[in-house]
Amino acid sequence: MVDFSINEMLEMQRALQEQYKEKWKPVNPDHGKDQLLWMIGEVGEVIDIIKKHGGDAASQDKELRAHLIEEMADVLMYYNDVLLCYGISAEELKQSYICKFEKNMKRW
């Protein structure tokens, strides 16, 4: 299995933003809130699939699973746009994730 890195996703989002720079709002901190709201909307679409069809169907039915994965990809796209808006690098995210993981490992 080949990993799909955050850096790869960020580069793809940069290319997408460049492609539509005349139509979309710029990627900057002022626009970060909007990207977060769009991401939450996509999370809602993921939840709707599971709520309407159940977790087993969402993970086992071929068409439903494809729809679920597509919506999860939308979530990740907006997530990466948020990282771009605030200039958060993959390395910064990694370090913060590791610290949070270690903190959580000692929590309970």
PDB file of N, CA and C in Angstrom:
ATOM      1  N   MET A   1       0.839  -1.177   0.000  1.00  0.00           N
ATOM      2  CA  MET A   1       0.000   0.000   0.000  1.00  0.00           C
ATOM      3  C   MET A   1       0.889   1.246   0.000  1.00  0.00           C
ATOM      4  N   VAL A   2       0.547   2.184  -0.825  1.00  0.00           N
ATOM      5  CA  VAL A   2       1.291   3.434  -0.919  1.00  0.00           C
ATOM      6  C   VAL A   2       0.568   4.491  -0.102  1.00  0.00           C
ATOM      7  N   ASP A   3       1.308   5.187   0.735  1.00  0.00           N
ATOM      8  CA  ASP A   3       0.718   6.258   1.533  1.00  0.00           C
ATOM      9  C   ASP A   3       0.401   7.465   0.659  1.00  0.00           C
ATOM     10  N   PHE A   4      -0.588   8.205   1.079  1.00  0.00           N
ATOM     11  CA  PHE A   4      -0.978   9.450   0.420  1.00  0.00           C
ATOM     12  C   PHE A   4      -0.681  10.541   1.431  1.00  0.00           C
ATOM     13  N   SER A   5       0.377  11.282   1.215  1.00  0.00           N
ATOM     14  CA  SER A   5       0.859  12.213   2.231  1.00  0.00           C
ATOM     15  C   SER A   5       0.099  13.531   2.234  1.00  0.00           C
ATOM     16  N   ILE A   6       0.195  14.192   3.358  1.00  0.00           N
ATOM     17  CA  ILE A   6      -0.398  15.522   3.478  1.00  0.00           C
ATOM     18  C   ILE A   6       0.261  16.468   2.485  1.00  0.00           C
ATOM     19  N   ASN A   7       1.571  16.345   2.311  1.00  0.00           N
ATOM     20  CA  ASN A   7       2.246  17.200   1.334  1.00  0.00           C
ATOM     21  C   ASN A   7       1.689  17.000  -0.070  1.00  0.00           C
ATOM     22  N   GLU A   8       1.395  15.757  -0.452  1.00  0.00           N
ATOM     23  CA  GLU A   8       0.806  15.506  -1.773  1.00  0.00           C
ATOM     24  C   GLU A   8      -0.569  16.159  -1.883  1.00  0.00           C
ATOM     25  N   MET A   9      -1.367  16.025  -0.826  1.00  0.00           N
ATOM     26  CA  MET A   9      -2.695  16.636  -0.843  1.00  0.00           C
ATOM     27  C   MET A   9      -2.596  18.158  -0.918  1.00  0.00           C
ATOM     28  N   LEU A  10      -1.666  18.741  -0.165  1.00  0.00           N
ATOM     29  CA  LEU A  10      -1.499  20.192  -0.190  1.00  0.00           C
ATOM     30  C   LEU A  10      -1.098  20.670  -1.582  1.00  0.00           C
ATOM     31  N   GLU A  11      -0.202  19.944  -2.240  1.00  0.00           N
ATOM     32  CA  GLU A  11       0.207  20.325  -3.598  1.00  0.00           C
ATOM     33  C   GLU A  11      -0.969  20.244  -4.568  1.00  0.00           C
ATOM     34  N   MET A  12      -1.775  19.216  -4.421  1.00  0.00           N
ATOM     35  CA  MET A  12      -2.949  19.088  -5.288  1.00  0.00           C
ATOM     36  C   MET A  12      -3.927  20.230  -5.036  1.00  0.00           C
ATOM     37  N   GLN A  13      -4.114  20.615  -3.768  1.00  0.00           N
ATOM     38  CA  GLN A  13      -5.017  21.722  -3.452  1.00  0.00           C
ATOM     39  C   GLN A  13      -4.462  23.044  -3.976  1.00  0.00           C
ATOM     40  N   ARG A  14      -3.145  23.209  -3.906  1.00  0.00           N
ATOM     41  CA  ARG A  14      -2.540  24.431  -4.481  1.00  0.00           C
ATOM     42  C   ARG A  14      -2.818  24.499  -5.983  1.00  0.00           C
ATOM     43  N   ALA A  15      -2.673  23.364  -6.669  1.00  0.00           N
ATOM     44  CA  ALA A  15      -2.939  23.326  -8.109  1.00  0.00           C
ATOM     45  C   ALA A  15      -4.414  23.628  -8.399  1.00  0.00           C
ATOM     46  N   LEU A  16      -5.302  23.077  -7.596  1.00  0.00           N
ATOM     47  CA  LEU A  16      -6.731  23.330  -7.772  1.00  0.00           C
ATOM     48  C   LEU A  16      -7.056  24.802  -7.532  1.00  0.00           C
ATOM     49  N   GLN A  17      -6.490  25.365  -6.493  1.00  0.00           N
ATOM     50  CA  GLN A  17      -6.710  26.783  -6.200  1.00  0.00           C
ATOM     51  C   GLN A  17      -6.171  27.659  -7.333  1.00  0.00           C
ATOM     52  N   GLU A  18      -5.025  27.294  -7.866  1.00  0.00           N
ATOM     53  CA  GLU A  18      -4.443  28.046  -8.980  1.00  0.00           C
ATOM     54  C   GLU A  18      -5.342  27.954 -10.214  1.00  0.00           C
ATOM     55  N   GLN A  19      -5.855  26.770 -10.489  1.00  0.00           N
ATOM     56  CA  GLN A  19      -6.722  26.542 -11.646  1.00  0.00           C
ATOM     57  C   GLN A  19      -7.959  27.447 -11.605  1.00  0.00           C
ATOM     58  N   TYR A  20      -8.498  27.672 -10.412  1.00  0.00           N
ATOM     59  CA  TYR A  20      -9.745  28.416 -10.273  1.00  0.00           C
ATOM     60  C   TYR A  20      -9.579  29.753  -9.553  1.00  0.00           C
ATOM     61  N   LYS A  21      -8.384  30.302  -9.584  1.00  0.00           N
ATOM     62  CA  LYS A  21      -8.125  31.540  -8.838  1.00  0.00           C
ATOM     63  C   LYS A  21      -8.988  32.711  -9.298  1.00  0.00           C
ATOM     64  N   GLU A  22      -9.454  32.683 -10.519  1.00  0.00           N
ATOM     65  CA  GLU A  22     -10.312  33.759 -11.023  1.00  0.00           C
ATOM     66  C   GLU A  22     -11.759  33.603 -10.547  1.00  0.00           C
ATOM     67  N   LYS A  23     -12.127  32.394 -10.133  1.00  0.00           N
ATOM     68  CA  LYS A  23     -13.507  32.114  -9.737  1.00  0.00           C
ATOM     69  C   LYS A  23     -13.674  31.970  -8.229  1.00  0.00           C
ATOM     70  N   TRP A  24     -12.641  31.509  -7.552  1.00  0.00           N
ATOM     71  CA  TRP A  24     -12.723  31.228  -6.120  1.00  0.00           C
ATOM     72  C   TRP A  24     -12.069  32.333  -5.304  1.00  0.00           C
ATOM     73  N   LYS A  25     -12.473  32.437  -4.067  1.00  0.00           N
ATOM     74  CA  LYS A  25     -11.839  33.377  -3.153  1.00  0.00           C
ATOM     75  C   LYS A  25     -10.400  32.938  -2.916  1.00  0.00           C
ATOM     76  N   PRO A  26      -9.507  33.886  -2.623  1.00  0.00           N
ATOM     77  CA  PRO A  26      -8.101  33.527  -2.402  1.00  0.00           C
ATOM     78  C   PRO A  26      -7.908  32.708  -1.121  1.00  0.00           C
ATOM     79  N   VAL A  27      -6.858  31.910  -1.136  1.00  0.00           N
ATOM     80  CA  VAL A  27      -6.508  31.106   0.032  1.00  0.00           C
ATOM     81  C   VAL A  27      -5.668  31.988   0.956  1.00  0.00           C
ATOM     82  N   ASN A  28      -6.306  32.477   2.022  1.00  0.00           N
ATOM     83  CA  ASN A  28      -5.619  33.304   3.001  1.00  0.00           C
ATOM     84  C   ASN A  28      -6.370  33.213   4.330  1.00  0.00           C
ATOM     85  N   PRO A  29      -5.787  33.722   5.413  1.00  0.00           N
ATOM     86  CA  PRO A  29      -6.432  33.590   6.726  1.00  0.00           C
ATOM     87  C   PRO A  29      -7.858  34.144   6.788  1.00  0.00           C
ATOM     88  N   ASP A  30      -8.132  35.202   6.051  1.00  0.00           N
ATOM     89  CA  ASP A  30      -9.483  35.765   6.067  1.00  0.00           C
ATOM     90  C   ASP A  30     -10.518  34.806   5.475  1.00  0.00           C
ATOM     91  N   HIS A  31     -10.082  33.923   4.622  1.00  0.00           N
ATOM     92  CA  HIS A  31     -10.981  32.976   3.962  1.00  0.00           C
ATOM     93  C   HIS A  31     -11.036  31.627   4.690  1.00  0.00           C
ATOM     94  N   GLY A  32     -10.169  31.437   5.676  1.00  0.00           N
ATOM     95  CA  GLY A  32     -10.111  30.172   6.408  1.00  0.00           C
ATOM     96  C   GLY A  32     -11.426  29.779   7.045  1.00  0.00           C
ATOM     97  N   LYS A  33     -12.121  30.758   7.616  1.00  0.00           N
ATOM     98  CA  LYS A  33     -13.417  30.476   8.257  1.00  0.00           C
ATOM     99  C   LYS A  33     -14.405  29.902   7.254  1.00  0.00           C
ATOM    100  N   ASP A  34     -14.438  30.456   6.056  1.00  0.00           N
ATOM    101  CA  ASP A  34     -15.341  29.962   5.022  1.00  0.00           C
ATOM    102  C   ASP A  34     -15.009  28.509   4.665  1.00  0.00           C
ATOM    103  N   GLN A  35     -13.715  28.218   4.541  1.00  0.00           N
ATOM    104  CA  GLN A  35     -13.306  26.858   4.203  1.00  0.00           C
ATOM    105  C   GLN A  35     -13.711  25.882   5.311  1.00  0.00           C
ATOM    106  N   LEU A  36     -13.581  26.311   6.560  1.00  0.00           N
ATOM    107  CA  LEU A  36     -14.003  25.467   7.678  1.00  0.00           C
ATOM    108  C   LEU A  36     -15.499  25.185   7.623  1.00  0.00           C
ATOM    109  N   LEU A  37     -16.274  26.194   7.292  1.00  0.00           N
ATOM    110  CA  LEU A  37     -17.725  26.006   7.202  1.00  0.00           C
ATOM    111  C   LEU A  37     -18.094  25.051   6.063  1.00  0.00           C
ATOM    112  N   TRP A  38     -17.404  25.172   4.928  1.00  0.00           N
ATOM    113  CA  TRP A  38     -17.648  24.253   3.816  1.00  0.00           C
ATOM    114  C   TRP A  38     -17.258  22.827   4.223  1.00  0.00           C
ATOM    115  N   MET A  39     -16.161  22.697   4.967  1.00  0.00           N
ATOM    116  CA  MET A  39     -15.722  21.381   5.423  1.00  0.00           C
ATOM    117  C   MET A  39     -16.766  20.751   6.340  1.00  0.00           C
ATOM    118  N   ILE A  40     -17.326  21.541   7.240  1.00  0.00           N
ATOM    119  CA  ILE A  40     -18.358  21.039   8.145  1.00  0.00           C
ATOM    120  C   ILE A  40     -19.570  20.560   7.343  1.00  0.00           C
ATOM    121  N   GLY A  41     -19.907  21.277   6.289  1.00  0.00           N
ATOM    122  CA  GLY A  41     -21.001  20.840   5.418  1.00  0.00           C
ATOM    123  C   GLY A  41     -20.722  19.472   4.809  1.00  0.00           C
ATOM    124  N   GLU A  42     -19.479  19.263   4.405  1.00  0.00           N
ATOM    125  CA  GLU A  42     -19.108  17.966   3.833  1.00  0.00           C
ATOM    126  C   GLU A  42     -19.134  16.872   4.888  1.00  0.00           C
ATOM    127  N   VAL A  43     -18.720  17.190   6.114  1.00  0.00           N
ATOM    128  CA  VAL A  43     -18.805  16.221   7.207  1.00  0.00           C
ATOM    129  C   VAL A  43     -20.276  15.836   7.414  1.00  0.00           C
ATOM    130  N   GLY A  44     -21.160  16.811   7.311  1.00  0.00           N
ATOM    131  CA  GLY A  44     -22.588  16.542   7.425  1.00  0.00           C
ATOM    132  C   GLY A  44     -23.069  15.565   6.355  1.00  0.00           C
ATOM    133  N   GLU A  45     -22.527  15.676   5.141  1.00  0.00           N
ATOM    134  CA  GLU A  45     -22.902  14.741   4.083  1.00  0.00           C
ATOM    135  C   GLU A  45     -22.430  13.324   4.402  1.00  0.00           C
ATOM    136  N   VAL A  46     -21.248  13.200   4.997  1.00  0.00           N
ATOM    137  CA  VAL A  46     -20.748  11.889   5.431  1.00  0.00           C
ATOM    138  C   VAL A  46     -21.686  11.307   6.489  1.00  0.00           C
ATOM    139  N   ILE A  47     -22.042  12.142   7.456  1.00  0.00           N
ATOM    140  CA  ILE A  47     -22.930  11.701   8.530  1.00  0.00           C
ATOM    141  C   ILE A  47     -24.279  11.270   7.970  1.00  0.00           C
ATOM    142  N   ASP A  48     -24.808  12.021   7.009  1.00  0.00           N
ATOM    143  CA  ASP A  48     -26.104  11.672   6.418  1.00  0.00           C
ATOM    144  C   ASP A  48     -26.081  10.290   5.784  1.00  0.00           C
ATOM    145  N   ILE A  49     -25.011   9.958   5.097  1.00  0.00           N
ATOM    146  CA  ILE A  49     -24.906   8.638   4.467  1.00  0.00           C
ATOM    147  C   ILE A  49     -25.004   7.549   5.524  1.00  0.00           C
ATOM    148  N   ILE A  50     -24.251   7.710   6.588  1.00  0.00           N
ATOM    149  CA  ILE A  50     -24.236   6.690   7.643  1.00  0.00           C
ATOM    150  C   ILE A  50     -25.561   6.669   8.394  1.00  0.00           C
ATOM    151  N   LYS A  51     -26.115   7.858   8.651  1.00  0.00           N
ATOM    152  CA  LYS A  51     -27.388   7.941   9.379  1.00  0.00           C
ATOM    153  C   LYS A  51     -28.520   7.295   8.578  1.00  0.00           C
ATOM    154  N   LYS A  52     -28.561   7.537   7.290  1.00  0.00           N
ATOM    155  CA  LYS A  52     -29.645   7.033   6.457  1.00  0.00           C
ATOM    156  C   LYS A  52     -29.526   5.549   6.137  1.00  0.00           C
ATOM    157  N   HIS A  53     -28.287   5.070   6.027  1.00  0.00           N
ATOM    158  CA  HIS A  53     -28.090   3.705   5.542  1.00  0.00           C
ATOM    159  C   HIS A  53     -27.431   2.773   6.559  1.00  0.00           C
ATOM    160  N   GLY A  54     -26.872   3.332   7.609  1.00  0.00           N
ATOM    161  CA  GLY A  54     -26.181   2.522   8.609  1.00  0.00           C
ATOM    162  C   GLY A  54     -24.717   2.297   8.255  1.00  0.00           C
ATOM    163  N   GLY A  55     -23.940   2.068   9.275  1.00  0.00           N
ATOM    164  CA  GLY A  55     -22.501   1.889   9.090  1.00  0.00           C
ATOM    165  C   GLY A  55     -22.135   0.652   8.304  1.00  0.00           C
ATOM    166  N   ASP A  56     -22.854  -0.438   8.540  1.00  0.00           N
ATOM    167  CA  ASP A  56     -22.548  -1.675   7.815  1.00  0.00           C
ATOM    168  C   ASP A  56     -22.777  -1.498   6.318  1.00  0.00           C
ATOM    169  N   ALA A  57     -23.916  -0.927   5.948  1.00  0.00           N
ATOM    170  CA  ALA A  57     -24.200  -0.715   4.525  1.00  0.00           C
ATOM    171  C   ALA A  57     -23.197   0.250   3.911  1.00  0.00           C
ATOM    172  N   ALA A  58     -22.857   1.306   4.642  1.00  0.00           N
ATOM    173  CA  ALA A  58     -21.917   2.304   4.123  1.00  0.00           C
ATOM    174  C   ALA A  58     -20.526   1.707   3.892  1.00  0.00           C
ATOM    175  N   SER A  59     -20.189   0.687   4.648  1.00  0.00           N
ATOM    176  CA  SER A  59     -18.864   0.092   4.469  1.00  0.00           C
ATOM    177  C   SER A  59     -18.873  -1.134   3.560  1.00  0.00           C
ATOM    178  N   GLN A  60     -20.058  -1.717   3.306  1.00  0.00           N
ATOM    179  CA  GLN A  60     -20.100  -2.955   2.527  1.00  0.00           C
ATOM    180  C   GLN A  60     -20.755  -2.830   1.154  1.00  0.00           C
ATOM    181  N   ASP A  61     -21.775  -1.986   1.019  1.00  0.00           N
ATOM    182  CA  ASP A  61     -22.430  -1.798  -0.271  1.00  0.00           C
ATOM    183  C   ASP A  61     -21.492  -1.012  -1.191  1.00  0.00           C
ATOM    184  N   LYS A  62     -21.192  -1.572  -2.352  1.00  0.00           N
ATOM    185  CA  LYS A  62     -20.182  -0.994  -3.248  1.00  0.00           C
ATOM    186  C   LYS A  62     -20.466   0.458  -3.641  1.00  0.00           C
ATOM    187  N   GLU A  63     -21.689   0.724  -4.096  1.00  0.00           N
ATOM    188  CA  GLU A  63     -22.041   2.087  -4.526  1.00  0.00           C
ATOM    189  C   GLU A  63     -22.082   3.062  -3.355  1.00  0.00           C
ATOM    190  N   LEU A  64     -22.659   2.629  -2.262  1.00  0.00           N
ATOM    191  CA  LEU A  64     -22.754   3.490  -1.080  1.00  0.00           C
ATOM    192  C   LEU A  64     -21.366   3.789  -0.520  1.00  0.00           C
ATOM    193  N   ARG A  65     -20.523   2.779  -0.499  1.00  0.00           N
ATOM    194  CA  ARG A  65     -19.150   2.959  -0.024  1.00  0.00           C
ATOM    195  C   ARG A  65     -18.402   3.968  -0.910  1.00  0.00           C
ATOM    196  N   ALA A  66     -18.581   3.859  -2.217  1.00  0.00           N
ATOM    197  CA  ALA A  66     -17.936   4.806  -3.140  1.00  0.00           C
ATOM    198  C   ALA A  66     -18.408   6.232  -2.857  1.00  0.00           C
ATOM    199  N   HIS A  67     -19.697   6.392  -2.581  1.00  0.00           N
ATOM    200  CA  HIS A  67     -20.239   7.713  -2.249  1.00  0.00           C
ATOM    201  C   HIS A  67     -19.647   8.223  -0.932  1.00  0.00           C
ATOM    202  N   LEU A  68     -19.571   7.345   0.062  1.00  0.00           N
ATOM    203  CA  LEU A  68     -18.982   7.707   1.350  1.00  0.00           C
ATOM    204  C   LEU A  68     -17.534   8.167   1.177  1.00  0.00           C
ATOM    205  N   ILE A  69     -16.767   7.412   0.418  1.00  0.00           N
ATOM    206  CA  ILE A  69     -15.353   7.755   0.205  1.00  0.00           C
ATOM    207  C   ILE A  69     -15.223   9.073  -0.551  1.00  0.00           C
ATOM    208  N   GLU A  70     -16.096   9.306  -1.517  1.00  0.00           N
ATOM    209  CA  GLU A  70     -16.067  10.576  -2.252  1.00  0.00           C
ATOM    210  C   GLU A  70     -16.327  11.757  -1.314  1.00  0.00           C
ATOM    211  N   GLU A  71     -17.294  11.597  -0.422  1.00  0.00           N
ATOM    212  CA  GLU A  71     -17.583  12.673   0.528  1.00  0.00           C
ATOM    213  C   GLU A  71     -16.432  12.871   1.515  1.00  0.00           C
ATOM    214  N   MET A  72     -15.793  11.771   1.915  1.00  0.00           N
ATOM    215  CA  MET A  72     -14.618  11.893   2.785  1.00  0.00           C
ATOM    216  C   MET A  72     -13.482  12.636   2.068  1.00  0.00           C
ATOM    217  N   ALA A  73     -13.351  12.391   0.765  1.00  0.00           N
ATOM    218  CA  ALA A  73     -12.352  13.116  -0.018  1.00  0.00           C
ATOM    219  C   ALA A  73     -12.671  14.612  -0.034  1.00  0.00           C
ATOM    220  N   ASP A  74     -13.958  14.950  -0.143  1.00  0.00           N
ATOM    221  CA  ASP A  74     -14.351  16.367  -0.081  1.00  0.00           C
ATOM    222  C   ASP A  74     -13.947  16.985   1.253  1.00  0.00           C
ATOM    223  N   VAL A  75     -14.168  16.241   2.342  1.00  0.00           N
ATOM    224  CA  VAL A  75     -13.769  16.726   3.671  1.00  0.00           C
ATOM    225  C   VAL A  75     -12.269  17.012   3.680  1.00  0.00           C
ATOM    226  N   LEU A  76     -11.492  16.066   3.173  1.00  0.00           N
ATOM    227  CA  LEU A  76     -10.031  16.243   3.160  1.00  0.00           C
ATOM    228  C   LEU A  76      -9.601  17.418   2.280  1.00  0.00           C
ATOM    229  N   MET A  77     -10.303  17.627   1.187  1.00  0.00           N
ATOM    230  CA  MET A  77      -9.946  18.752   0.312  1.00  0.00           C
ATOM    231  C   MET A  77     -10.135  20.086   1.043  1.00  0.00           C
ATOM    232  N   TYR A  78     -11.276  20.232   1.709  1.00  0.00           N
ATOM    233  CA  TYR A  78     -11.491  21.467   2.464  1.00  0.00           C
ATOM    234  C   TYR A  78     -10.532  21.568   3.646  1.00  0.00           C
ATOM    235  N   TYR A  79     -10.240  20.447   4.279  1.00  0.00           N
ATOM    236  CA  TYR A  79      -9.280  20.418   5.393  1.00  0.00           C
ATOM    237  C   TYR A  79      -7.932  20.945   4.916  1.00  0.00           C
ATOM    238  N   ASN A  80      -7.490  20.472   3.772  1.00  0.00           N
ATOM    239  CA  ASN A  80      -6.215  20.932   3.227  1.00  0.00           C
ATOM    240  C   ASN A  80      -6.276  22.394   2.812  1.00  0.00           C
ATOM    241  N   ASP A  81      -7.429  22.854   2.331  1.00  0.00           N
ATOM    242  CA  ASP A  81      -7.578  24.284   2.043  1.00  0.00           C
ATOM    243  C   ASP A  81      -7.421  25.110   3.325  1.00  0.00           C
ATOM    244  N   VAL A  82      -7.952  24.597   4.434  1.00  0.00           N
ATOM    245  CA  VAL A  82      -7.806  25.300   5.711  1.00  0.00           C
ATOM    246  C   VAL A  82      -6.329  25.374   6.088  1.00  0.00           C
ATOM    247  N   LEU A  83      -5.613  24.282   5.931  1.00  0.00           N
ATOM    248  CA  LEU A  83      -4.170  24.298   6.212  1.00  0.00           C
ATOM    249  C   LEU A  83      -3.478  25.351   5.356  1.00  0.00           C
ATOM    250  N   LEU A  84      -3.842  25.420   4.083  1.00  0.00           N
ATOM    251  CA  LEU A  84      -3.252  26.415   3.188  1.00  0.00           C
ATOM    252  C   LEU A  84      -3.613  27.837   3.613  1.00  0.00           C
ATOM    253  N   CYS A  85      -4.867  28.039   4.006  1.00  0.00           N
ATOM    254  CA  CYS A  85      -5.310  29.375   4.416  1.00  0.00           C
ATOM    255  C   CYS A  85      -4.470  29.911   5.568  1.00  0.00           C
ATOM    256  N   TYR A  86      -4.128  29.045   6.492  1.00  0.00           N
ATOM    257  CA  TYR A  86      -3.389  29.483   7.677  1.00  0.00           C
ATOM    258  C   TYR A  86      -1.896  29.188   7.592  1.00  0.00           C
ATOM    259  N   GLY A  87      -1.448  28.719   6.435  1.00  0.00           N
ATOM    260  CA  GLY A  87      -0.024  28.478   6.228  1.00  0.00           C
ATOM    261  C   GLY A  87       0.539  27.389   7.127  1.00  0.00           C
ATOM    262  N   ILE A  88      -0.260  26.386   7.442  1.00  0.00           N
ATOM    263  CA  ILE A  88       0.179  25.292   8.311  1.00  0.00           C
ATOM    264  C   ILE A  88       0.840  24.226   7.451  1.00  0.00           C
ATOM    265  N   SER A  89       2.087  23.931   7.753  1.00  0.00           N
ATOM    266  CA  SER A  89       2.828  22.945   6.973  1.00  0.00           C
ATOM    267  C   SER A  89       2.554  21.532   7.478  1.00  0.00           C
ATOM    268  N   ALA A  90       2.879  20.571   6.652  1.00  0.00           N
ATOM    269  CA  ALA A  90       2.734  19.167   7.042  1.00  0.00           C
ATOM    270  C   ALA A  90       3.606  18.865   8.258  1.00  0.00           C
ATOM    271  N   GLU A  91       4.786  19.447   8.308  1.00  0.00           N
ATOM    272  CA  GLU A  91       5.687  19.215   9.446  1.00  0.00           C
ATOM    273  C   GLU A  91       5.111  19.782  10.741  1.00  0.00           C
ATOM    274  N   GLU A  92       4.548  20.986  10.668  1.00  0.00           N
ATOM    275  CA  GLU A  92       3.913  21.569  11.861  1.00  0.00           C
ATOM    276  C   GLU A  92       2.757  20.698  12.341  1.00  0.00           C
ATOM    277  N   LEU A  93       1.948  20.237  11.399  1.00  0.00           N
ATOM    278  CA  LEU A  93       0.816  19.388  11.745  1.00  0.00           C
ATOM    279  C   LEU A  93       1.296  18.079  12.366  1.00  0.00           C
ATOM    280  N   LYS A  94       2.332  17.506  11.795  1.00  0.00           N
ATOM    281  CA  LYS A  94       2.892  16.264  12.317  1.00  0.00           C
ATOM    282  C   LYS A  94       3.358  16.429  13.755  1.00  0.00           C
ATOM    283  N   GLN A  95       4.098  17.480  14.024  1.00  0.00           N
ATOM    284  CA  GLN A  95       4.605  17.709  15.379  1.00  0.00           C
ATOM    285  C   GLN A  95       3.473  17.908  16.376  1.00  0.00           C
ATOM    286  N   SER A  96       2.480  18.669  15.991  1.00  0.00           N
ATOM    287  CA  SER A  96       1.340  18.899  16.871  1.00  0.00           C
ATOM    288  C   SER A  96       0.557  17.609  17.091  1.00  0.00           C
ATOM    289  N   TYR A  97       0.404  16.819  16.039  1.00  0.00           N
ATOM    290  CA  TYR A  97      -0.316  15.557  16.132  1.00  0.00           C
ATOM    291  C   TYR A  97       0.398  14.606  17.086  1.00  0.00           C
ATOM    292  N   ILE A  98       1.711  14.531  16.968  1.00  0.00           N
ATOM    293  CA  ILE A  98       2.503  13.668  17.851  1.00  0.00           C
ATOM    294  C   ILE A  98       2.357  14.105  19.301  1.00  0.00           C
ATOM    295  N   CYS A  99       2.452  15.399  19.547  1.00  0.00           N
ATOM    296  CA  CYS A  99       2.299  15.914  20.918  1.00  0.00           C
ATOM    297  C   CYS A  99       0.918  15.595  21.470  1.00  0.00           C
ATOM    298  N   LYS A 100      -0.112  15.785  20.660  1.00  0.00           N
ATOM    299  CA  LYS A 100      -1.481  15.500  21.105  1.00  0.00           C
ATOM    300  C   LYS A 100      -1.668  14.005  21.354  1.00  0.00           C
ATOM    301  N   PHE A 101      -1.094  13.183  20.488  1.00  0.00           N
ATOM    302  CA  PHE A 101      -1.156  11.735  20.657  1.00  0.00           C
ATOM    303  C   PHE A 101      -0.531  11.326  21.981  1.00  0.00           C
ATOM    304  N   GLU A 102       0.664  11.844  22.240  1.00  0.00           N
ATOM    305  CA  GLU A 102       1.357  11.502  23.487  1.00  0.00           C
ATOM    306  C   GLU A 102       0.565  11.960  24.705  1.00  0.00           C
ATOM    307  N   LYS A 103      -0.015  13.127  24.625  1.00  0.00           N
ATOM    308  CA  LYS A 103      -0.854  13.646  25.711  1.00  0.00           C
ATOM    309  C   LYS A 103      -2.064  12.735  25.933  1.00  0.00           C
ATOM    310  N   ASN A 104      -2.703  12.327  24.840  1.00  0.00           N
ATOM    311  CA  ASN A 104      -3.875  11.461  24.944  1.00  0.00           C
ATOM    312  C   ASN A 104      -3.519  10.064  25.465  1.00  0.00           C
ATOM    313  N   MET A 105      -2.339   9.590  25.144  1.00  0.00           N
ATOM    314  CA  MET A 105      -1.912   8.266  25.601  1.00  0.00           C
ATOM    315  C   MET A 105      -1.776   8.226  27.130  1.00  0.00           C
ATOM    316  N   LYS A 106      -1.581   9.377  27.740  1.00  0.00           N
ATOM    317  CA  LYS A 106      -1.420   9.459  29.208  1.00  0.00           C
ATOM    318  C   LYS A 106      -2.678   9.955  29.904  1.00  0.00           C
ATOM    319  N   ARG A 107      -3.683  10.260  29.136  1.00  0.00           N
ATOM    320  CA  ARG A 107      -4.873  10.915  29.672  1.00  0.00           C
ATOM    321  C   ARG A 107      -5.678  10.016  30.601  1.00  0.00           C
ATOM    322  N   TRP A 108      -5.939   8.787  30.237  1.00  0.00           N
ATOM    323  CA  TRP A 108      -6.799   7.931  31.044  1.00  0.00           C
ATOM    324  C   TRP A 108      -6.058   6.714  31.527  1.00  0.00           C
TER     325      TRP A 108
END
